[in-house]
């Protein structure tokens, strides 16, 4: 587990290894809201920082609501 900040909000990144797959999970807490992003690699061969998984995580964008 790695703690980080995403667009100023606290977040954690978790990598889970199993015999069948590798799961990359990012959880972002923005005030009372929780966002979860998942990437599942069933080939168990790629590194998320070197593939589209990093682009997927980096593309997540938070916008302030009028609520």
PDB file of N, CA and C in Angstrom:
ATOM      1  N   UNK A   1       0.854  -1.165   0.000  1.00  0.00           N
ATOM      2  CA  UNK A   1       0.000   0.000   0.000  1.00  0.00           C
ATOM      3  C   UNK A   1       0.904   1.233   0.000  1.00  0.00           C
ATOM      4  N   UNK A   2       0.511   2.218  -0.797  1.00  0.00           N
ATOM      5  CA  UNK A   2       1.272   3.455  -0.901  1.00  0.00           C
ATOM      6  C   UNK A   2       0.315   4.626  -0.767  1.00  0.00           C
ATOM      7  N   UNK A   3       0.618   5.541   0.132  1.00  0.00           N
ATOM      8  CA  UNK A   3      -0.208   6.740   0.284  1.00  0.00           C
ATOM      9  C   UNK A   3       0.268   7.786  -0.710  1.00  0.00           C
ATOM     10  N   UNK A   4      -0.682   8.518  -1.280  1.00  0.00           N
ATOM     11  CA  UNK A   4      -0.351   9.562  -2.230  1.00  0.00           C
ATOM     12  C   UNK A   4      -1.442  10.619  -2.222  1.00  0.00           C
ATOM     13  N   UNK A   5      -1.263  11.636  -3.021  1.00  0.00           N
ATOM     14  CA  UNK A   5      -2.252  12.703  -3.164  1.00  0.00           C
ATOM     15  C   UNK A   5      -2.668  12.756  -4.630  1.00  0.00           C
ATOM     16  N   UNK A   6      -3.976  12.820  -4.866  1.00  0.00           N
ATOM     17  CA  UNK A   6      -4.512  12.930  -6.221  1.00  0.00           C
ATOM     18  C   UNK A   6      -5.307  14.226  -6.292  1.00  0.00           C
ATOM     19  N   UNK A   7      -4.824  15.173  -7.061  1.00  0.00           N
ATOM     20  CA  UNK A   7      -5.461  16.480  -7.223  1.00  0.00           C
ATOM     21  C   UNK A   7      -5.761  17.136  -5.877  1.00  0.00           C
ATOM     22  N   UNK A   8      -4.829  16.989  -4.941  1.00  0.00           N
ATOM     23  CA  UNK A   8      -4.967  17.605  -3.630  1.00  0.00           C
ATOM     24  C   UNK A   8      -5.736  16.784  -2.607  1.00  0.00           C
ATOM     25  N   UNK A   9      -6.230  15.612  -2.985  1.00  0.00           N
ATOM     26  CA  UNK A   9      -7.011  14.767  -2.079  1.00  0.00           C
ATOM     27  C   UNK A   9      -6.196  13.546  -1.658  1.00  0.00           C
ATOM     28  N   UNK A  10      -6.386  13.076  -0.417  1.00  0.00           N
ATOM     29  CA  UNK A  10      -5.654  11.890   0.029  1.00  0.00           C
ATOM     30  C   UNK A  10      -6.104  10.649  -0.737  1.00  0.00           C
ATOM     31  N   UNK A  11      -5.146   9.778  -1.015  1.00  0.00           N
ATOM     32  CA  UNK A  11      -5.443   8.561  -1.761  1.00  0.00           C
ATOM     33  C   UNK A  11      -4.473   7.465  -1.338  1.00  0.00           C
ATOM     34  N   UNK A  12      -4.825   6.231  -1.669  1.00  0.00           N
ATOM     35  CA  UNK A  12      -3.910   5.113  -1.488  1.00  0.00           C
ATOM     36  C   UNK A  12      -3.897   4.298  -2.776  1.00  0.00           C
ATOM     37  N   UNK A  13      -2.773   3.666  -3.026  1.00  0.00           N
ATOM     38  CA  UNK A  13      -2.638   2.775  -4.159  1.00  0.00           C
ATOM     39  C   UNK A  13      -2.260   1.409  -3.599  1.00  0.00           C
ATOM     40  N   UNK A  14      -2.953   0.364  -4.041  1.00  0.00           N
ATOM     41  CA  UNK A  14      -2.740  -0.984  -3.525  1.00  0.00           C
ATOM     42  C   UNK A  14      -2.514  -1.926  -4.697  1.00  0.00           C
ATOM     43  N   UNK A  15      -1.529  -2.804  -4.576  1.00  0.00           N
ATOM     44  CA  UNK A  15      -1.322  -3.867  -5.554  1.00  0.00           C
ATOM     45  C   UNK A  15      -1.552  -5.190  -4.836  1.00  0.00           C
ATOM     46  N   UNK A  16      -2.456  -6.005  -5.392  1.00  0.00           N
ATOM     47  CA  UNK A  16      -2.783  -7.306  -4.806  1.00  0.00           C
ATOM     48  C   UNK A  16      -2.342  -8.384  -5.777  1.00  0.00           C
ATOM     49  N   UNK A  17      -1.521  -9.316  -5.297  1.00  0.00           N
ATOM     50  CA  UNK A  17      -1.049 -10.426  -6.116  1.00  0.00           C
ATOM     51  C   UNK A  17      -1.814 -11.687  -5.761  1.00  0.00           C
ATOM     52  N   UNK A  18      -2.272 -12.394  -6.771  1.00  0.00           N
ATOM     53  CA  UNK A  18      -2.913 -13.684  -6.560  1.00  0.00           C
ATOM     54  C   UNK A  18      -2.400 -14.636  -7.625  1.00  0.00           C
ATOM     55  N   UNK A  19      -2.639 -15.933  -7.488  1.00  0.00           N
ATOM     56  CA  UNK A  19      -2.164 -16.870  -8.515  1.00  0.00           C
ATOM     57  C   UNK A  19      -2.768 -16.608  -9.891  1.00  0.00           C
ATOM     58  N   UNK A  20      -3.966 -16.020  -9.945  1.00  0.00           N
ATOM     59  CA  UNK A  20      -4.659 -15.811 -11.218  1.00  0.00           C
ATOM     60  C   UNK A  20      -4.409 -14.450 -11.843  1.00  0.00           C
ATOM     61  N   UNK A  21      -4.105 -13.436 -11.035  1.00  0.00           N
ATOM     62  CA  UNK A  21      -4.008 -12.089 -11.591  1.00  0.00           C
ATOM     63  C   UNK A  21      -3.280 -11.146 -10.638  1.00  0.00           C
ATOM     64  N   UNK A  22      -3.027  -9.958 -11.151  1.00  0.00           N
ATOM     65  CA  UNK A  22      -2.530  -8.853 -10.344  1.00  0.00           C
ATOM     66  C   UNK A  22      -3.600  -7.767 -10.414  1.00  0.00           C
ATOM     67  N   UNK A  23      -3.990  -7.238  -9.258  1.00  0.00           N
ATOM     68  CA  UNK A  23      -5.012  -6.195  -9.209  1.00  0.00           C
ATOM     69  C   UNK A  23      -4.356  -4.914  -8.713  1.00  0.00           C
ATOM     70  N   UNK A  24      -4.517  -3.855  -9.482  1.00  0.00           N
ATOM     71  CA  UNK A  24      -4.049  -2.532  -9.107  1.00  0.00           C
ATOM     72  C   UNK A  24      -5.282  -1.729  -8.716  1.00  0.00           C
ATOM     73  N   UNK A  25      -5.299  -1.215  -7.498  1.00  0.00           N
ATOM     74  CA  UNK A  25      -6.496  -0.560  -6.955  1.00  0.00           C
ATOM     75  C   UNK A  25      -6.084   0.795  -6.391  1.00  0.00           C
ATOM     76  N   UNK A  26      -6.765   1.834  -6.812  1.00  0.00           N
ATOM     77  CA  UNK A  26      -6.513   3.166  -6.271  1.00  0.00           C
ATOM     78  C   UNK A  26      -7.802   3.675  -5.644  1.00  0.00           C
ATOM     79  N   UNK A  27      -7.707   4.170  -4.404  1.00  0.00           N
ATOM     80  CA  UNK A  27      -8.849   4.715  -3.672  1.00  0.00           C
ATOM     81  C   UNK A  27      -8.546   6.175  -3.376  1.00  0.00           C
ATOM     82  N   UNK A  28      -9.492   7.046  -3.730  1.00  0.00           N
ATOM     83  CA  UNK A  28      -9.322   8.484  -3.526  1.00  0.00           C
ATOM     84  C   UNK A  28     -10.479   8.982  -2.668  1.00  0.00           C
ATOM     85  N   UNK A  29     -10.147   9.697  -1.583  1.00  0.00           N
ATOM     86  CA  UNK A  29     -11.179  10.282  -0.720  1.00  0.00           C
ATOM     87  C   UNK A  29     -11.213  11.783  -0.971  1.00  0.00           C
ATOM     88  N   UNK A  30     -12.338  12.261  -1.486  1.00  0.00           N
ATOM     89  CA  UNK A  30     -12.533  13.690  -1.755  1.00  0.00           C
ATOM     90  C   UNK A  30     -13.672  14.159  -0.877  1.00  0.00           C
ATOM     91  N   UNK A  31     -13.336  14.692   0.305  1.00  0.00           N
ATOM     92  CA  UNK A  31     -14.380  15.081   1.263  1.00  0.00           C
ATOM     93  C   UNK A  31     -15.168  13.845   1.666  1.00  0.00           C
ATOM     94  N   UNK A  32     -16.492  13.876   1.543  1.00  0.00           N
ATOM     95  CA  UNK A  32     -17.305  12.721   1.934  1.00  0.00           C
ATOM     96  C   UNK A  32     -17.401  11.655   0.833  1.00  0.00           C
ATOM     97  N   UNK A  33     -16.780  11.900  -0.326  1.00  0.00           N
ATOM     98  CA  UNK A  33     -16.890  10.964  -1.450  1.00  0.00           C
ATOM     99  C   UNK A  33     -15.665  10.051  -1.523  1.00  0.00           C
ATOM    100  N   UNK A  34     -15.905   8.805  -1.956  1.00  0.00           N
ATOM    101  CA  UNK A  34     -14.840   7.822  -2.168  1.00  0.00           C
ATOM    102  C   UNK A  34     -14.889   7.383  -3.633  1.00  0.00           C
ATOM    103  N   UNK A  35     -13.739   7.381  -4.285  1.00  0.00           N
ATOM    104  CA  UNK A  35     -13.636   6.912  -5.670  1.00  0.00           C
ATOM    105  C   UNK A  35     -12.669   5.732  -5.702  1.00  0.00           C
ATOM    106  N   UNK A  36     -13.017   4.686  -6.449  1.00  0.00           N
ATOM    107  CA  UNK A  36     -12.166   3.505  -6.585  1.00  0.00           C
ATOM    108  C   UNK A  36     -11.901   3.247  -8.059  1.00  0.00           C
ATOM    109  N   UNK A  37     -10.637   3.085  -8.396  1.00  0.00           N
ATOM    110  CA  UNK A  37     -10.232   2.736  -9.750  1.00  0.00           C
ATOM    111  C   UNK A  37      -9.544   1.377  -9.685  1.00  0.00           C
ATOM    112  N   UNK A  38      -9.874   0.500 -10.621  1.00  0.00           N
ATOM    113  CA  UNK A  38      -9.321  -0.862 -10.634  1.00  0.00           C
ATOM    114  C   UNK A  38      -8.727  -1.179 -12.000  1.00  0.00           C
ATOM    115  N   UNK A  39      -7.607  -1.859 -12.001  1.00  0.00           N
ATOM    116  CA  UNK A  39      -7.044  -2.462 -13.206  1.00  0.00           C
ATOM    117  C   UNK A  39      -6.691  -3.894 -12.823  1.00  0.00           C
ATOM    118  N   UNK A  40      -7.173  -4.856 -13.606  1.00  0.00           N
ATOM    119  CA  UNK A  40      -6.903  -6.267 -13.342  1.00  0.00           C
ATOM    120  C   UNK A  40      -6.071  -6.822 -14.491  1.00  0.00           C
ATOM    121  N   UNK A  41      -4.914  -7.391 -14.165  1.00  0.00           N
ATOM    122  CA  UNK A  41      -4.014  -7.971 -15.156  1.00  0.00           C
ATOM    123  C   UNK A  41      -4.025  -9.487 -14.991  1.00  0.00           C
ATOM    124  N   UNK A  42      -4.748 -10.181 -15.862  1.00  0.00           N
ATOM    125  CA  UNK A  42      -4.801 -11.642 -15.762  1.00  0.00           C
ATOM    126  C   UNK A  42      -3.574 -12.310 -16.378  1.00  0.00           C
ATOM    127  N   UNK A  43      -2.794 -11.560 -17.160  1.00  0.00           N
ATOM    128  CA  UNK A  43      -1.577 -12.136 -17.740  1.00  0.00           C
ATOM    129  C   UNK A  43      -0.425 -12.133 -16.737  1.00  0.00           C
ATOM    130  N   UNK A  44      -0.536 -11.299 -15.695  1.00  0.00           N
ATOM    131  CA  UNK A  44       0.497 -11.152 -14.662  1.00  0.00           C
ATOM    132  C   UNK A  44       1.847 -10.742 -15.245  1.00  0.00           C
ATOM    133  N   UNK A  45       1.854 -10.006 -16.365  1.00  0.00           N
ATOM    134  CA  UNK A  45       3.122  -9.688 -17.012  1.00  0.00           C
ATOM    135  C   UNK A  45       3.449  -8.200 -17.088  1.00  0.00           C
ATOM    136  N   UNK A  46       2.476  -7.313 -16.892  1.00  0.00           N
ATOM    137  CA  UNK A  46       2.811  -5.912 -17.108  1.00  0.00           C
ATOM    138  C   UNK A  46       3.015  -5.152 -15.814  1.00  0.00           C
ATOM    139  N   UNK A  47       3.710  -4.047 -15.928  1.00  0.00           N
ATOM    140  CA  UNK A  47       3.970  -3.137 -14.813  1.00  0.00           C
ATOM    141  C   UNK A  47       3.114  -1.900 -15.069  1.00  0.00           C
ATOM    142  N   UNK A  48       2.249  -1.500 -14.118  1.00  0.00           N
ATOM    143  CA  UNK A  48       1.299  -0.425 -14.407  1.00  0.00           C
ATOM    144  C   UNK A  48       1.948   0.892 -14.792  1.00  0.00           C
ATOM    145  N   UNK A  49       3.124   1.200 -14.267  1.00  0.00           N
ATOM    146  CA  UNK A  49       3.771   2.469 -14.580  1.00  0.00           C
ATOM    147  C   UNK A  49       4.269   2.517 -16.019  1.00  0.00           C
ATOM    148  N   UNK A  50       4.318   1.368 -16.708  1.00  0.00           N
ATOM    149  CA  UNK A  50       4.848   1.325 -18.061  1.00  0.00           C
ATOM    150  C   UNK A  50       3.766   0.997 -19.090  1.00  0.00           C
ATOM    151  N   UNK A  51       2.509   1.083 -18.725  1.00  0.00           N
ATOM    152  CA  UNK A  51       1.434   0.702 -19.634  1.00  0.00           C
ATOM    153  C   UNK A  51       0.288   1.687 -19.580  1.00  0.00           C
ATOM    154  N   UNK A  52      -0.824   1.310 -20.194  1.00  0.00           N
ATOM    155  CA  UNK A  52      -2.021   2.141 -20.187  1.00  0.00           C
ATOM    156  C   UNK A  52      -2.653   2.245 -18.800  1.00  0.00           C
ATOM    157  N   UNK A  53      -2.282   1.383 -17.859  1.00  0.00           N
ATOM    158  CA  UNK A  53      -2.828   1.482 -16.503  1.00  0.00           C
ATOM    159  C   UNK A  53      -2.447   2.813 -15.874  1.00  0.00           C
ATOM    160  N   UNK A  54      -1.213   3.241 -16.048  1.00  0.00           N
ATOM    161  CA  UNK A  54      -0.785   4.541 -15.512  1.00  0.00           C
ATOM    162  C   UNK A  54      -1.587   5.655 -16.177  1.00  0.00           C
ATOM    163  N   UNK A  55      -1.765   5.577 -17.492  1.00  0.00           N
ATOM    164  CA  UNK A  55      -2.550   6.591 -18.202  1.00  0.00           C
ATOM    165  C   UNK A  55      -3.988   6.601 -17.693  1.00  0.00           C
ATOM    166  N   UNK A  56      -4.546   5.426 -17.434  1.00  0.00           N
ATOM    167  CA  UNK A  56      -5.907   5.327 -16.894  1.00  0.00           C
ATOM    168  C   UNK A  56      -5.992   5.998 -15.527  1.00  0.00           C
ATOM    169  N   UNK A  57      -5.070   5.661 -14.616  1.00  0.00           N
ATOM    170  CA  UNK A  57      -5.094   6.276 -13.286  1.00  0.00           C
ATOM    171  C   UNK A  57      -4.885   7.784 -13.387  1.00  0.00           C
ATOM    172  N   UNK A  58      -3.950   8.215 -14.232  1.00  0.00           N
ATOM    173  CA  UNK A  58      -3.654   9.644 -14.359  1.00  0.00           C
ATOM    174  C   UNK A  58      -4.780  10.424 -15.026  1.00  0.00           C
ATOM    175  N   UNK A  59      -5.644   9.747 -15.782  1.00  0.00           N
ATOM    176  CA  UNK A  59      -6.722  10.447 -16.484  1.00  0.00           C
ATOM    177  C   UNK A  59      -7.909  10.763 -15.575  1.00  0.00           C
ATOM    178  N   UNK A  60      -7.942  10.171 -14.386  1.00  0.00           N
ATOM    179  CA  UNK A  60      -9.041  10.425 -13.459  1.00  0.00           C
ATOM    180  C   UNK A  60      -9.011  11.886 -13.047  1.00  0.00           C
ATOM    181  N   UNK A  61     -10.153  12.547 -13.142  1.00  0.00           N
ATOM    182  CA  UNK A  61     -10.231  13.976 -12.855  1.00  0.00           C
ATOM    183  C   UNK A  61     -11.404  14.270 -11.917  1.00  0.00           C
ATOM    184  N   UNK A  62     -11.152  15.054 -10.900  1.00  0.00           N
ATOM    185  CA  UNK A  62     -12.189  15.469  -9.953  1.00  0.00           C
ATOM    186  C   UNK A  62     -12.597  16.900 -10.267  1.00  0.00           C
ATOM    187  N   UNK A  63     -13.890  17.134 -10.257  1.00  0.00           N
ATOM    188  CA  UNK A  63     -14.419  18.478 -10.485  1.00  0.00           C
ATOM    189  C   UNK A  63     -15.304  18.855  -9.311  1.00  0.00           C
ATOM    190  N   UNK A  64     -15.212  20.087  -8.876  1.00  0.00           N
ATOM    191  CA  UNK A  64     -16.056  20.546  -7.774  1.00  0.00           C
ATOM    192  C   UNK A  64     -17.498  20.619  -8.237  1.00  0.00           C
ATOM    193  N   UNK A  65     -18.389  20.133  -7.384  1.00  0.00           N
ATOM    194  CA  UNK A  65     -19.829  20.209  -7.714  1.00  0.00           C
ATOM    195  C   UNK A  65     -20.423  21.454  -7.060  1.00  0.00           C
ATOM    196  N   UNK A  66     -21.603  21.819  -7.497  1.00  0.00           N
ATOM    197  CA  UNK A  66     -22.301  22.983  -6.941  1.00  0.00           C
ATOM    198  C   UNK A  66     -23.110  22.633  -5.713  1.00  0.00           C
ATOM    199  N   UNK A  67     -23.055  21.360  -5.263  1.00  0.00           N
ATOM    200  CA  UNK A  67     -23.845  20.919  -4.109  1.00  0.00           C
ATOM    201  C   UNK A  67     -23.435  21.615  -2.837  1.00  0.00           C
TER     202      UNK A  67
END
